[in-house]
């Protein structure tokens, strides 16, 4: 479980790094936004692994967040509108 969680975190960090680089160049905002969404998705999937939930093939941040409700205060406080921009 921890190995797979680490893989999700590494991939999320890579997406976040690409996002930051694109934003620093002030170009390709649409691609930066895509990588930001990908990072968020992978961070949520890492949490699923942490809590022992079988990760499903899903790209919906709302769905992934809902699977974590009741497990952490931070997830419970995350508003749905925070997931979409």
PDB file of N, CA and C in Angstrom:
ATOM      1  N   UNK A   1       0.834  -1.199   0.000  1.00  0.00           N
ATOM      2  CA  UNK A   1       0.000   0.000   0.000  1.00  0.00           C
ATOM      3  C   UNK A   1       0.867   1.247   0.000  1.00  0.00           C
ATOM      4  N   UNK A   2       1.875   1.318   0.877  1.00  0.00           N
ATOM      5  CA  UNK A   2       2.698   2.510   0.972  1.00  0.00           C
ATOM      6  C   UNK A   2       3.474   2.768  -0.311  1.00  0.00           C
ATOM      7  N   UNK A   3       3.895   1.704  -0.978  1.00  0.00           N
ATOM      8  CA  UNK A   3       4.628   1.873  -2.232  1.00  0.00           C
ATOM      9  C   UNK A   3       3.745   2.505  -3.296  1.00  0.00           C
ATOM     10  N   UNK A   4       2.524   2.010  -3.405  1.00  0.00           N
ATOM     11  CA  UNK A   4       1.588   2.555  -4.398  1.00  0.00           C
ATOM     12  C   UNK A   4       1.226   3.997  -4.041  1.00  0.00           C
ATOM     13  N   UNK A   5       1.046   4.278  -2.760  1.00  0.00           N
ATOM     14  CA  UNK A   5       0.753   5.637  -2.330  1.00  0.00           C
ATOM     15  C   UNK A   5       1.908   6.559  -2.727  1.00  0.00           C
ATOM     16  N   UNK A   6       3.132   6.111  -2.533  1.00  0.00           N
ATOM     17  CA  UNK A   6       4.298   6.892  -2.917  1.00  0.00           C
ATOM     18  C   UNK A   6       4.352   7.162  -4.406  1.00  0.00           C
ATOM     19  N   UNK A   7       3.932   6.183  -5.184  1.00  0.00           N
ATOM     20  CA  UNK A   7       3.891   6.369  -6.643  1.00  0.00           C
ATOM     21  C   UNK A   7       2.884   7.441  -7.030  1.00  0.00           C
ATOM     22  N   UNK A   8       1.708   7.422  -6.394  1.00  0.00           N
ATOM     23  CA  UNK A   8       0.709   8.464  -6.663  1.00  0.00           C
ATOM     24  C   UNK A   8       1.262   9.838  -6.294  1.00  0.00           C
ATOM     25  N   UNK A   9       1.943   9.914  -5.149  1.00  0.00           N
ATOM     26  CA  UNK A   9       2.493  11.194  -4.701  1.00  0.00           C
ATOM     27  C   UNK A   9       3.592  11.677  -5.641  1.00  0.00           C
ATOM     28  N   UNK A  10       4.449  10.787  -6.098  1.00  0.00           N
ATOM     29  CA  UNK A  10       5.509  11.174  -7.035  1.00  0.00           C
ATOM     30  C   UNK A  10       4.919  11.708  -8.340  1.00  0.00           C
ATOM     31  N   UNK A  11       3.900  11.024  -8.842  1.00  0.00           N
ATOM     32  CA  UNK A  11       3.266  11.464 -10.089  1.00  0.00           C
ATOM     33  C   UNK A  11       2.560  12.802  -9.898  1.00  0.00           C
ATOM     34  N   UNK A  12       1.937  12.977  -8.748  1.00  0.00           N
ATOM     35  CA  UNK A  12       1.263  14.251  -8.464  1.00  0.00           C
ATOM     36  C   UNK A  12       2.277  15.386  -8.413  1.00  0.00           C
ATOM     37  N   UNK A  13       3.405  15.140  -7.769  1.00  0.00           N
ATOM     38  CA  UNK A  13       4.457  16.161  -7.692  1.00  0.00           C
ATOM     39  C   UNK A  13       4.979  16.521  -9.077  1.00  0.00           C
ATOM     40  N   UNK A  14       5.110  15.530  -9.951  1.00  0.00           N
ATOM     41  CA  UNK A  14       5.556  15.798 -11.322  1.00  0.00           C
ATOM     42  C   UNK A  14       4.558  16.691 -12.054  1.00  0.00           C
ATOM     43  N   UNK A  15       3.269  16.375 -11.916  1.00  0.00           N
ATOM     44  CA  UNK A  15       2.247  17.220 -12.545  1.00  0.00           C
ATOM     45  C   UNK A  15       2.292  18.636 -11.991  1.00  0.00           C
ATOM     46  N   UNK A  16       2.468  18.759 -10.694  1.00  0.00           N
ATOM     47  CA  UNK A  16       2.519  20.075 -10.068  1.00  0.00           C
ATOM     48  C   UNK A  16       3.756  20.850 -10.539  1.00  0.00           C
ATOM     49  N   UNK A  17       4.857  20.171 -10.700  1.00  0.00           N
ATOM     50  CA  UNK A  17       6.083  20.819 -11.186  1.00  0.00           C
ATOM     51  C   UNK A  17       5.884  21.357 -12.607  1.00  0.00           C
ATOM     52  N   UNK A  18       5.265  20.561 -13.469  1.00  0.00           N
ATOM     53  CA  UNK A  18       4.975  21.002 -14.835  1.00  0.00           C
ATOM     54  C   UNK A  18       4.044  22.212 -14.800  1.00  0.00           C
ATOM     55  N   UNK A  19       3.036  22.149 -13.962  1.00  0.00           N
ATOM     56  CA  UNK A  19       2.085  23.253 -13.828  1.00  0.00           C
ATOM     57  C   UNK A  19       2.808  24.544 -13.426  1.00  0.00           C
ATOM     58  N   UNK A  20       3.647  24.461 -12.420  1.00  0.00           N
ATOM     59  CA  UNK A  20       4.389  25.643 -11.954  1.00  0.00           C
ATOM     60  C   UNK A  20       5.289  26.200 -13.050  1.00  0.00           C
ATOM     61  N   UNK A  21       5.962  25.329 -13.758  1.00  0.00           N
ATOM     62  CA  UNK A  21       6.869  25.770 -14.826  1.00  0.00           C
ATOM     63  C   UNK A  21       6.098  26.512 -15.914  1.00  0.00           C
ATOM     64  N   UNK A  22       4.966  25.969 -16.307  1.00  0.00           N
ATOM     65  CA  UNK A  22       4.159  26.629 -17.331  1.00  0.00           C
ATOM     66  C   UNK A  22       3.646  27.977 -16.844  1.00  0.00           C
ATOM     67  N   UNK A  23       3.218  28.047 -15.605  1.00  0.00           N
ATOM     68  CA  UNK A  23       2.724  29.311 -15.064  1.00  0.00           C
ATOM     69  C   UNK A  23       3.852  30.335 -14.926  1.00  0.00           C
ATOM     70  N   UNK A  24       5.049  29.885 -14.565  1.00  0.00           N
ATOM     71  CA  UNK A  24       6.193  30.798 -14.479  1.00  0.00           C
ATOM     72  C   UNK A  24       6.536  31.407 -15.836  1.00  0.00           C
ATOM     73  N   UNK A  25       6.305  30.650 -16.880  1.00  0.00           N
ATOM     74  CA  UNK A  25       6.559  31.142 -18.243  1.00  0.00           C
ATOM     75  C   UNK A  25       5.415  32.020 -18.744  1.00  0.00           C
ATOM     76  N   UNK A  26       4.314  32.027 -17.989  1.00  0.00           N
ATOM     77  CA  UNK A  26       3.112  32.789 -18.362  1.00  0.00           C
ATOM     78  C   UNK A  26       2.596  32.388 -19.739  1.00  0.00           C
ATOM     79  N   UNK A  27       2.640  31.071 -19.957  1.00  0.00           N
ATOM     80  CA  UNK A  27       2.153  30.525 -21.222  1.00  0.00           C
ATOM     81  C   UNK A  27       1.382  29.244 -20.948  1.00  0.00           C
ATOM     82  N   UNK A  28       0.577  28.886 -21.879  1.00  0.00           N
ATOM     83  CA  UNK A  28      -0.121  27.600 -21.863  1.00  0.00           C
ATOM     84  C   UNK A  28      -0.940  27.388 -20.584  1.00  0.00           C
ATOM     85  N   UNK A  29      -1.733  28.387 -20.233  1.00  0.00           N
ATOM     86  CA  UNK A  29      -2.545  28.294 -19.015  1.00  0.00           C
ATOM     87  C   UNK A  29      -3.482  27.095 -19.051  1.00  0.00           C
ATOM     88  N   UNK A  30      -3.996  26.751 -20.225  1.00  0.00           N
ATOM     89  CA  UNK A  30      -4.908  25.613 -20.316  1.00  0.00           C
ATOM     90  C   UNK A  30      -4.189  24.305 -19.994  1.00  0.00           C
ATOM     91  N   UNK A  31      -2.957  24.173 -20.425  1.00  0.00           N
ATOM     92  CA  UNK A  31      -2.199  22.961 -20.135  1.00  0.00           C
ATOM     93  C   UNK A  31      -1.790  22.944 -18.656  1.00  0.00           C
ATOM     94  N   UNK A  32      -1.479  24.115 -18.109  1.00  0.00           N
ATOM     95  CA  UNK A  32      -1.153  24.202 -16.681  1.00  0.00           C
ATOM     96  C   UNK A  32      -2.360  23.775 -15.849  1.00  0.00           C
ATOM     97  N   UNK A  33      -3.541  24.222 -16.247  1.00  0.00           N
ATOM     98  CA  UNK A  33      -4.759  23.850 -15.525  1.00  0.00           C
ATOM     99  C   UNK A  33      -4.990  22.337 -15.588  1.00  0.00           C
ATOM    100  N   UNK A  34      -4.727  21.747 -16.740  1.00  0.00           N
ATOM    101  CA  UNK A  34      -4.862  20.292 -16.879  1.00  0.00           C
ATOM    102  C   UNK A  34      -3.944  19.579 -15.888  1.00  0.00           C
ATOM    103  N   UNK A  35      -2.698  20.012 -15.800  1.00  0.00           N
ATOM    104  CA  UNK A  35      -1.756  19.361 -14.891  1.00  0.00           C
ATOM    105  C   UNK A  35      -2.115  19.617 -13.425  1.00  0.00           C
ATOM    106  N   UNK A  36      -2.702  20.766 -13.133  1.00  0.00           N
ATOM    107  CA  UNK A  36      -3.163  21.034 -11.766  1.00  0.00           C
ATOM    108  C   UNK A  36      -4.270  20.054 -11.391  1.00  0.00           C
ATOM    109  N   UNK A  37      -5.207  19.822 -12.316  1.00  0.00           N
ATOM    110  CA  UNK A  37      -6.287  18.863 -12.066  1.00  0.00           C
ATOM    111  C   UNK A  37      -5.717  17.466 -11.892  1.00  0.00           C
ATOM    112  N   UNK A  38      -4.750  17.104 -12.730  1.00  0.00           N
ATOM    113  CA  UNK A  38      -4.130  15.789 -12.637  1.00  0.00           C
ATOM    114  C   UNK A  38      -3.431  15.606 -11.287  1.00  0.00           C
ATOM    115  N   UNK A  39      -2.747  16.644 -10.828  1.00  0.00           N
ATOM    116  CA  UNK A  39      -2.072  16.577  -9.529  1.00  0.00           C
ATOM    117  C   UNK A  39      -3.092  16.370  -8.412  1.00  0.00           C
ATOM    118  N   UNK A  40      -4.171  17.139  -8.442  1.00  0.00           N
ATOM    119  CA  UNK A  40      -5.203  17.002  -7.407  1.00  0.00           C
ATOM    120  C   UNK A  40      -5.781  15.595  -7.405  1.00  0.00           C
ATOM    121  N   UNK A  41      -6.046  15.083  -8.587  1.00  0.00           N
ATOM    122  CA  UNK A  41      -6.590  13.716  -8.710  1.00  0.00           C
ATOM    123  C   UNK A  41      -5.636  12.697  -8.084  1.00  0.00           C
ATOM    124  N   UNK A  42      -4.369  12.829  -8.369  1.00  0.00           N
ATOM    125  CA  UNK A  42      -3.388  11.866  -7.867  1.00  0.00           C
ATOM    126  C   UNK A  42      -3.172  12.000  -6.362  1.00  0.00           C
ATOM    127  N   UNK A  43      -3.222  13.228  -5.845  1.00  0.00           N
ATOM    128  CA  UNK A  43      -3.133  13.409  -4.388  1.00  0.00           C
ATOM    129  C   UNK A  43      -4.319  12.740  -3.691  1.00  0.00           C
ATOM    130  N   UNK A  44      -5.512  12.903  -4.267  1.00  0.00           N
ATOM    131  CA  UNK A  44      -6.694  12.264  -3.680  1.00  0.00           C
ATOM    132  C   UNK A  44      -6.578  10.744  -3.739  1.00  0.00           C
ATOM    133  N   UNK A  45      -6.069  10.220  -4.833  1.00  0.00           N
ATOM    134  CA  UNK A  45      -5.900   8.766  -4.950  1.00  0.00           C
ATOM    135  C   UNK A  45      -4.853   8.262  -3.958  1.00  0.00           C
ATOM    136  N   UNK A  46      -3.829   9.060  -3.694  1.00  0.00           N
ATOM    137  CA  UNK A  46      -2.843   8.681  -2.669  1.00  0.00           C
ATOM    138  C   UNK A  46      -3.518   8.583  -1.306  1.00  0.00           C
ATOM    139  N   UNK A  47      -4.449   9.489  -1.036  1.00  0.00           N
ATOM    140  CA  UNK A  47      -5.202   9.409   0.226  1.00  0.00           C
ATOM    141  C   UNK A  47      -6.077   8.168   0.268  1.00  0.00           C
ATOM    142  N   UNK A  48      -6.671   7.807  -0.855  1.00  0.00           N
ATOM    143  CA  UNK A  48      -7.455   6.564  -0.898  1.00  0.00           C
ATOM    144  C   UNK A  48      -6.560   5.400  -0.494  1.00  0.00           C
ATOM    145  N   UNK A  49      -5.356   5.350  -1.044  1.00  0.00           N
ATOM    146  CA  UNK A  49      -4.408   4.286  -0.686  1.00  0.00           C
ATOM    147  C   UNK A  49      -4.072   4.346   0.800  1.00  0.00           C
ATOM    148  N   UNK A  50      -3.821   5.544   1.310  1.00  0.00           N
ATOM    149  CA  UNK A  50      -3.467   5.714   2.715  1.00  0.00           C
ATOM    150  C   UNK A  50      -4.535   5.135   3.633  1.00  0.00           C
ATOM    151  N   UNK A  51      -5.800   5.369   3.274  1.00  0.00           N
ATOM    152  CA  UNK A  51      -6.911   4.896   4.097  1.00  0.00           C
ATOM    153  C   UNK A  51      -7.365   3.483   3.739  1.00  0.00           C
ATOM    154  N   UNK A  52      -6.651   2.821   2.835  1.00  0.00           N
ATOM    155  CA  UNK A  52      -6.967   1.436   2.502  1.00  0.00           C
ATOM    156  C   UNK A  52      -8.193   1.271   1.626  1.00  0.00           C
ATOM    157  N   UNK A  53      -8.525   2.294   0.870  1.00  0.00           N
ATOM    158  CA  UNK A  53      -9.661   2.227  -0.051  1.00  0.00           C
ATOM    159  C   UNK A  53      -9.131   1.780  -1.413  1.00  0.00           C
ATOM    160  N   UNK A  54      -9.822   0.843  -2.034  1.00  0.00           N
ATOM    161  CA  UNK A  54      -9.417   0.406  -3.368  1.00  0.00           C
ATOM    162  C   UNK A  54      -9.596   1.559  -4.354  1.00  0.00           C
ATOM    163  N   UNK A  55      -8.504   1.972  -4.974  1.00  0.00           N
ATOM    164  CA  UNK A  55      -8.546   3.076  -5.932  1.00  0.00           C
ATOM    165  C   UNK A  55      -9.230   2.598  -7.203  1.00  0.00           C
ATOM    166  N   UNK A  56     -10.187   3.383  -7.655  1.00  0.00           N
ATOM    167  CA  UNK A  56     -10.911   3.074  -8.882  1.00  0.00           C
ATOM    168  C   UNK A  56     -10.425   4.003  -9.987  1.00  0.00           C
ATOM    169  N   UNK A  57     -10.646   3.586 -11.209  1.00  0.00           N
ATOM    170  CA  UNK A  57     -10.279   4.421 -12.343  1.00  0.00           C
ATOM    171  C   UNK A  57     -11.344   5.515 -12.459  1.00  0.00           C
ATOM    172  N   UNK A  58     -10.999   6.690 -11.969  1.00  0.00           N
ATOM    173  CA  UNK A  58     -11.925   7.826 -11.993  1.00  0.00           C
ATOM    174  C   UNK A  58     -11.112   9.100 -12.114  1.00  0.00           C
ATOM    175  N   UNK A  59     -11.686  10.081 -12.780  1.00  0.00           N
ATOM    176  CA  UNK A  59     -11.009  11.359 -12.965  1.00  0.00           C
ATOM    177  C   UNK A  59     -11.809  12.512 -12.371  1.00  0.00           C
ATOM    178  N   UNK A  60     -12.907  12.196 -11.745  1.00  0.00           N
ATOM    179  CA  UNK A  60     -13.817  13.190 -11.179  1.00  0.00           C
ATOM    180  C   UNK A  60     -13.371  13.544  -9.758  1.00  0.00           C
ATOM    181  N   UNK A  61     -12.891  14.779  -9.567  1.00  0.00           N
ATOM    182  CA  UNK A  61     -12.399  15.192  -8.258  1.00  0.00           C
ATOM    183  C   UNK A  61     -13.495  15.130  -7.200  1.00  0.00           C
ATOM    184  N   UNK A  62     -14.712  15.473  -7.575  1.00  0.00           N
ATOM    185  CA  UNK A  62     -15.831  15.406  -6.625  1.00  0.00           C
ATOM    186  C   UNK A  62     -16.025  13.969  -6.141  1.00  0.00           C
ATOM    187  N   UNK A  63     -16.047  13.030  -7.055  1.00  0.00           N
ATOM    188  CA  UNK A  63     -16.205  11.613  -6.699  1.00  0.00           C
ATOM    189  C   UNK A  63     -15.071  11.154  -5.791  1.00  0.00           C
ATOM    190  N   UNK A  64     -13.844  11.507  -6.143  1.00  0.00           N
ATOM    191  CA  UNK A  64     -12.690  11.095  -5.343  1.00  0.00           C
ATOM    192  C   UNK A  64     -12.728  11.707  -3.952  1.00  0.00           C
ATOM    193  N   UNK A  65     -13.170  12.960  -3.863  1.00  0.00           N
ATOM    194  CA  UNK A  65     -13.306  13.619  -2.558  1.00  0.00           C
ATOM    195  C   UNK A  65     -14.380  12.937  -1.733  1.00  0.00           C
ATOM    196  N   UNK A  66     -15.500  12.636  -2.338  1.00  0.00           N
ATOM    197  CA  UNK A  66     -16.619  12.022  -1.622  1.00  0.00           C
ATOM    198  C   UNK A  66     -16.222  10.678  -1.009  1.00  0.00           C
ATOM    199  N   UNK A  67     -15.330   9.962  -1.666  1.00  0.00           N
ATOM    200  CA  UNK A  67     -14.865   8.689  -1.139  1.00  0.00           C
ATOM    201  C   UNK A  67     -14.037   8.830   0.128  1.00  0.00           C
ATOM    202  N   UNK A  68     -13.638  10.055   0.439  1.00  0.00           N
ATOM    203  CA  UNK A  68     -12.810  10.311   1.628  1.00  0.00           C
ATOM    204  C   UNK A  68     -13.568  11.013   2.755  1.00  0.00           C
ATOM    205  N   UNK A  69     -14.838  11.336   2.517  1.00  0.00           N
ATOM    206  CA  UNK A  69     -15.626  12.041   3.532  1.00  0.00           C
ATOM    207  C   UNK A  69     -15.643  11.222   4.822  1.00  0.00           C
ATOM    208  N   UNK A  70     -15.430  11.912   5.929  1.00  0.00           N
ATOM    209  CA  UNK A  70     -15.452  11.274   7.238  1.00  0.00           C
ATOM    210  C   UNK A  70     -14.091  10.742   7.675  1.00  0.00           C
ATOM    211  N   UNK A  71     -13.110  10.824   6.804  1.00  0.00           N
ATOM    212  CA  UNK A  71     -11.795  10.285   7.141  1.00  0.00           C
ATOM    213  C   UNK A  71     -10.824  11.351   7.642  1.00  0.00           C
ATOM    214  N   UNK A  72     -10.980  12.590   7.182  1.00  0.00           N
ATOM    215  CA  UNK A  72     -10.137  13.687   7.666  1.00  0.00           C
ATOM    216  C   UNK A  72     -10.963  14.956   7.746  1.00  0.00           C
ATOM    217  N   UNK A  73     -10.630  15.815   8.679  1.00  0.00           N
ATOM    218  CA  UNK A  73     -11.328  17.092   8.820  1.00  0.00           C
ATOM    219  C   UNK A  73     -11.143  17.945   7.578  1.00  0.00           C
ATOM    220  N   UNK A  74      -9.924  17.930   7.030  1.00  0.00           N
ATOM    221  CA  UNK A  74      -9.638  18.765   5.866  1.00  0.00           C
ATOM    222  C   UNK A  74     -10.509  18.388   4.670  1.00  0.00           C
ATOM    223  N   UNK A  75     -10.699  17.113   4.451  1.00  0.00           N
ATOM    224  CA  UNK A  75     -11.548  16.673   3.336  1.00  0.00           C
ATOM    225  C   UNK A  75     -12.992  17.078   3.605  1.00  0.00           C
ATOM    226  N   UNK A  76     -13.440  16.930   4.837  1.00  0.00           N
ATOM    227  CA  UNK A  76     -14.815  17.300   5.169  1.00  0.00           C
ATOM    228  C   UNK A  76     -15.054  18.783   4.927  1.00  0.00           C
ATOM    229  N   UNK A  77     -14.022  19.612   5.108  1.00  0.00           N
ATOM    230  CA  UNK A  77     -14.162  21.053   4.952  1.00  0.00           C
ATOM    231  C   UNK A  77     -13.976  21.524   3.517  1.00  0.00           C
ATOM    232  N   UNK A  78     -13.496  20.646   2.637  1.00  0.00           N
ATOM    233  CA  UNK A  78     -13.284  21.002   1.241  1.00  0.00           C
ATOM    234  C   UNK A  78     -14.638  21.197   0.569  1.00  0.00           C
ATOM    235  N   UNK A  79     -14.825  22.372   0.037  1.00  0.00           N
ATOM    236  CA  UNK A  79     -16.104  22.685  -0.610  1.00  0.00           C
ATOM    237  C   UNK A  79     -16.104  22.161  -2.034  1.00  0.00           C
ATOM    238  N   UNK A  80     -17.275  21.769  -2.519  1.00  0.00           N
ATOM    239  CA  UNK A  80     -17.373  21.254  -3.884  1.00  0.00           C
ATOM    240  C   UNK A  80     -16.875  22.275  -4.898  1.00  0.00           C
ATOM    241  N   UNK A  81     -17.173  23.547  -4.678  1.00  0.00           N
ATOM    242  CA  UNK A  81     -16.763  24.569  -5.632  1.00  0.00           C
ATOM    243  C   UNK A  81     -15.242  24.741  -5.674  1.00  0.00           C
ATOM    244  N   UNK A  82     -14.540  24.236  -4.653  1.00  0.00           N
ATOM    245  CA  UNK A  82     -13.082  24.283  -4.660  1.00  0.00           C
ATOM    246  C   UNK A  82     -12.498  23.287  -5.667  1.00  0.00           C
ATOM    247  N   UNK A  83     -13.304  22.345  -6.129  1.00  0.00           N
ATOM    248  CA  UNK A  83     -12.829  21.297  -7.014  1.00  0.00           C
ATOM    249  C   UNK A  83     -12.929  21.665  -8.482  1.00  0.00           C
ATOM    250  N   UNK A  84     -13.633  22.718  -8.796  1.00  0.00           N
ATOM    251  CA  UNK A  84     -13.853  23.082 -10.184  1.00  0.00           C
ATOM    252  C   UNK A  84     -13.535  24.555 -10.386  1.00  0.00           C
ATOM    253  N   UNK A  85     -12.991  24.860 -11.515  1.00  0.00           N
ATOM    254  CA  UNK A  85     -12.689  26.257 -11.830  1.00  0.00           C
ATOM    255  C   UNK A  85     -13.002  26.547 -13.264  1.00  0.00           C
TER     256      UNK A  85
END
